[in-house]
Amino acid sequence: MIIKIISRTEEEFERCEYRQAIKIEVDGRGIFEVHDGELEDSNLSRDFADCWKIPELMQMAYDAGKKGETFEIIKEENEEI
């Protein structure tokens, strides 16, 4: 299982008025993304809705470990998030 954690570059962070974002891909498939937004949208029903997927992601990691799969984490910054 290859986990890629993508966040904004420093330049993109500044361009986006100091609002951060994070995206998580598992084996090349985007499955989690949250970002800072307007205050009224910064809740679990909007900008942070993918937080509800955390138990599923934990189960995926646990199952991969039980099967003896490798577990690799890659961190990346880019301007497309």
C-alpha atoms as a PDB file:
ATOM      1  CA  MET A   1       0.000   0.000   0.000  1.00  0.00           C
ATOM      2  CA  ILE A   2       1.459   3.320  -1.081  1.00  0.00           C
ATOM      3  CA  ILE A   3       0.098   6.388   0.692  1.00  0.00           C
ATOM      4  CA  LYS A   4       0.795   9.771  -0.901  1.00  0.00           C
ATOM      5  CA  ILE A   5       0.129  12.864   1.200  1.00  0.00           C
ATOM      6  CA  ILE A   6      -0.118  16.000  -0.930  1.00  0.00           C
ATOM      7  CA  SER A   7      -0.179  19.541   0.404  1.00  0.00           C
ATOM      8  CA  ARG A   8       0.287  22.990  -1.079  1.00  0.00           C
ATOM      9  CA  THR A   9       3.675  24.494  -1.796  1.00  0.00           C
ATOM     10  CA  GLU A  10       4.629  27.564   0.200  1.00  0.00           C
ATOM     11  CA  GLU A  11       3.969  29.722  -2.860  1.00  0.00           C
ATOM     12  CA  GLU A  12       0.526  28.194  -3.422  1.00  0.00           C
ATOM     13  CA  PHE A  13      -0.257  28.529   0.294  1.00  0.00           C
ATOM     14  CA  GLU A  14       0.477  32.268   0.068  1.00  0.00           C
ATOM     15  CA  ARG A  15      -1.442  32.617  -3.221  1.00  0.00           C
ATOM     16  CA  CYS A  16      -4.472  30.954  -1.566  1.00  0.00           C
ATOM     17  CA  GLU A  17      -4.444  33.580   1.195  1.00  0.00           C
ATOM     18  CA  TYR A  18      -2.729  31.260   3.712  1.00  0.00           C
ATOM     19  CA  ARG A  19      -5.315  28.502   3.449  1.00  0.00           C
ATOM     20  CA  GLN A  20      -3.893  25.011   3.511  1.00  0.00           C
ATOM     21  CA  ALA A  21      -5.155  21.827   1.893  1.00  0.00           C
ATOM     22  CA  ILE A  22      -4.249  18.158   2.124  1.00  0.00           C
ATOM     23  CA  LYS A  23      -5.056  15.272  -0.176  1.00  0.00           C
ATOM     24  CA  ILE A  24      -4.351  11.600   0.455  1.00  0.00           C
ATOM     25  CA  GLU A  25      -4.013   9.047  -2.315  1.00  0.00           C
ATOM     26  CA  VAL A  26      -3.874   5.307  -1.704  1.00  0.00           C
ATOM     27  CA  ASP A  27      -2.235   3.309  -4.490  1.00  0.00           C
ATOM     28  CA  GLY A  28      -2.733   6.241  -6.877  1.00  0.00           C
ATOM     29  CA  ARG A  29      -6.407   6.769  -6.082  1.00  0.00           C
ATOM     30  CA  GLY A  30      -7.496  10.025  -4.410  1.00  0.00           C
ATOM     31  CA  ILE A  31      -9.637   9.124  -1.404  1.00  0.00           C
ATOM     32  CA  PHE A  32      -9.307  11.976   1.099  1.00  0.00           C
ATOM     33  CA  GLU A  33      -9.160  15.751   0.670  1.00  0.00           C
ATOM     34  CA  VAL A  34      -9.794  18.601   3.082  1.00  0.00           C
ATOM     35  CA  HIS A  35      -8.956  22.289   2.891  1.00  0.00           C
ATOM     36  CA  ASP A  36      -9.259  25.538   4.755  1.00  0.00           C
ATOM     37  CA  GLY A  37     -12.129  27.585   3.435  1.00  0.00           C
ATOM     38  CA  GLU A  38     -14.510  30.252   4.535  1.00  0.00           C
ATOM     39  CA  LEU A  39     -15.268  30.084   8.249  1.00  0.00           C
ATOM     40  CA  GLU A  40     -18.886  29.149   7.641  1.00  0.00           C
ATOM     41  CA  ASP A  41     -17.750  26.198   5.479  1.00  0.00           C
ATOM     42  CA  SER A  42     -15.052  24.903   7.840  1.00  0.00           C
ATOM     43  CA  ASN A  43     -17.068  22.092   9.350  1.00  0.00           C
ATOM     44  CA  LEU A  44     -17.626  18.352   8.967  1.00  0.00           C
ATOM     45  CA  SER A  45     -20.554  18.902   6.630  1.00  0.00           C
ATOM     46  CA  ARG A  46     -18.513  20.841   4.065  1.00  0.00           C
ATOM     47  CA  ASP A  47     -14.755  21.398   3.840  1.00  0.00           C
ATOM     48  CA  PHE A  48     -13.901  18.569   6.243  1.00  0.00           C
ATOM     49  CA  ALA A  49     -16.502  16.011   5.130  1.00  0.00           C
ATOM     50  CA  ASP A  50     -13.806  13.493   4.167  1.00  0.00           C
ATOM     51  CA  CYS A  51     -12.897  13.207   7.865  1.00  0.00           C
ATOM     52  CA  TRP A  52     -15.796  10.763   8.095  1.00  0.00           C
ATOM     53  CA  LYS A  53     -13.668   8.398   5.957  1.00  0.00           C
ATOM     54  CA  ILE A  54     -10.911   8.120   8.579  1.00  0.00           C
ATOM     55  CA  PRO A  55     -12.200   4.868  10.147  1.00  0.00           C
ATOM     56  CA  GLU A  56     -12.379   3.299   6.665  1.00  0.00           C
ATOM     57  CA  LEU A  57      -8.817   4.422   5.925  1.00  0.00           C
ATOM     58  CA  MET A  58      -7.615   2.983   9.220  1.00  0.00           C
ATOM     59  CA  GLN A  59      -9.295  -0.331   8.384  1.00  0.00           C
ATOM     60  CA  MET A  60      -7.619  -0.342   4.952  1.00  0.00           C
ATOM     61  CA  ALA A  61      -4.195   0.147   6.553  1.00  0.00           C
ATOM     62  CA  TYR A  62      -4.872  -2.538   9.163  1.00  0.00           C
ATOM     63  CA  ASP A  63      -6.028  -5.024   6.516  1.00  0.00           C
ATOM     64  CA  ALA A  64      -2.980  -4.314   4.370  1.00  0.00           C
ATOM     65  CA  GLY A  65      -0.737  -5.027   7.362  1.00  0.00           C
ATOM     66  CA  LYS A  66      -2.533  -8.268   8.102  1.00  0.00           C
ATOM     67  CA  LYS A  67      -1.932  -9.378   4.507  1.00  0.00           C
ATOM     68  CA  GLY A  68       1.756  -8.536   4.836  1.00  0.00           C
ATOM     69  CA  GLU A  69       1.627  -5.725   2.280  1.00  0.00           C
ATOM     70  CA  THR A  70       4.290  -3.070   2.387  1.00  0.00           C
ATOM     71  CA  PHE A  71       3.236   0.300   3.772  1.00  0.00           C
ATOM     72  CA  GLU A  72       4.963   3.289   2.223  1.00  0.00           C
ATOM     73  CA  ILE A  73       4.226   6.960   2.869  1.00  0.00           C
ATOM     74  CA  ILE A  74       5.271   9.602   0.357  1.00  0.00           C
ATOM     75  CA  LYS A  75       4.939  13.329   1.057  1.00  0.00           C
ATOM     76  CA  GLU A  76       4.626  15.777  -1.808  1.00  0.00           C
ATOM     77  CA  GLU A  77       3.894  19.466  -2.268  1.00  0.00           C
ATOM     78  CA  ASN A  78       2.315  20.839  -5.412  1.00  0.00           C
ATOM     79  CA  GLU A  79       0.293  23.757  -6.687  1.00  0.00           C
ATOM     80  CA  GLU A  80      -2.676  21.780  -7.967  1.00  0.00           C
ATOM     81  CA  ILE A  81      -4.401  21.149  -4.675  1.00  0.00           C
END
